[in-house]
Amino acid sequence: MKQLLTSIALVLVSISTAYAGKPSAINFNRDEYTYRATESSVHQYTPADQTDLSSHKDMISFTFAEEVKKSLI
């Protein structure tokens, strides 16, 4: 569990620092997830072999809430 939380934290840090350019791929739990789509402030990533968003099995989504960032500064 601790390793999973560490992996999540590392992914969040890498995504947040690269937010301006939306990375084309991220690594999570030894798997590579490819950028697929953005809806509003939600960025979606799926494994390379799962290109169809209507029938994917795994997905990572990040939601960036600017109001949270501003309240922490």
Protein backbone atom coordinates (compact mmCIF):
# COMPACT_ATOMS: atom_id res chain seq x y z
CA MET A 1 0.00 0.00 0.00
CA LYS A 2 2.81 2.39 0.86
CA GLN A 3 4.43 1.74 -2.53
CA LEU A 4 1.14 2.45 -4.29
CA LEU A 5 0.71 5.76 -2.46
CA THR A 6 4.29 6.70 -3.27
CA SER A 7 3.68 5.92 -6.94
CA ILE A 8 0.53 8.04 -6.94
CA ALA A 9 2.38 10.93 -5.32
CA LEU A 10 5.19 10.76 -7.88
CA VAL A 11 2.73 10.71 -10.77
CA LEU A 12 0.85 13.70 -9.35
CA VAL A 13 4.06 15.67 -8.93
CA SER A 14 5.22 14.89 -12.47
CA ILE A 15 1.81 15.75 -13.93
CA SER A 16 1.49 18.98 -12.00
CA THR A 17 4.93 20.21 -13.07
CA ALA A 18 4.21 19.36 -16.70
CA TYR A 19 0.59 20.60 -16.67
CA ALA A 20 1.19 23.44 -19.09
CA GLY A 21 2.23 21.01 -21.81
CA LYS A 22 0.05 17.99 -20.90
CA PRO A 23 2.50 15.08 -21.07
CA SER A 24 1.81 12.63 -23.86
CA ALA A 25 2.42 9.65 -21.56
CA ILE A 26 2.87 8.91 -17.87
CA ASN A 27 4.17 5.86 -16.04
CA PHE A 28 2.15 4.45 -13.18
CA ASN A 29 2.65 1.18 -11.34
CA ARG A 30 5.11 -0.01 -14.05
CA ASP A 31 2.62 0.65 -16.87
CA GLU A 32 2.66 3.44 -19.43
CA TYR A 33 -0.55 5.43 -19.92
CA THR A 34 -1.00 7.51 -23.06
CA TYR A 35 -2.78 10.86 -23.12
CA ARG A 36 -6.21 10.48 -24.71
CA ALA A 37 -8.43 13.48 -24.08
CA THR A 38 -9.19 16.59 -22.06
CA GLU A 39 -12.68 17.56 -21.00
CA SER A 40 -12.72 20.89 -19.20
CA SER A 41 -10.03 20.45 -16.54
CA VAL A 42 -10.03 16.61 -16.61
CA HIS A 43 -7.13 14.94 -18.43
CA GLN A 44 -7.53 11.26 -19.33
CA TYR A 45 -4.85 8.62 -19.89
CA THR A 46 -5.25 4.94 -20.86
CA PRO A 47 -2.77 2.14 -21.63
CA ALA A 48 -1.37 2.24 -25.16
CA ASP A 49 -3.43 -0.75 -26.29
CA GLN A 50 -6.72 0.75 -25.04
CA THR A 51 -7.34 3.53 -27.54
CA ASP A 52 -11.16 3.49 -27.48
CA LEU A 53 -12.39 5.61 -24.56
CA SER A 54 -15.84 4.03 -24.77
CA SER A 55 -14.49 0.55 -24.04
CA HIS A 56 -11.31 1.03 -22.00
CA LYS A 57 -10.54 -1.19 -19.00
CA ASP A 58 -8.00 1.05 -17.25
CA MET A 59 -7.87 4.82 -17.06
CA ILE A 60 -6.15 7.49 -15.04
CA SER A 61 -7.86 10.87 -14.88
CA PHE A 62 -6.48 14.05 -13.38
CA THR A 63 -8.62 16.99 -12.48
CA PHE A 64 -6.86 20.30 -12.00
CA ALA A 65 -8.76 22.69 -9.78
CA GLU A 66 -7.15 26.12 -9.90
CA GLU A 67 -9.10 27.27 -6.85
CA VAL A 68 -7.40 24.58 -4.74
CA LYS A 69 -3.96 25.64 -5.92
CA LYS A 70 -4.69 29.27 -5.15
CA SER A 71 -5.97 28.52 -1.66
CA LEU A 72 -2.77 26.61 -0.79
CA ILE A 73 -0.41 29.44 -1.72
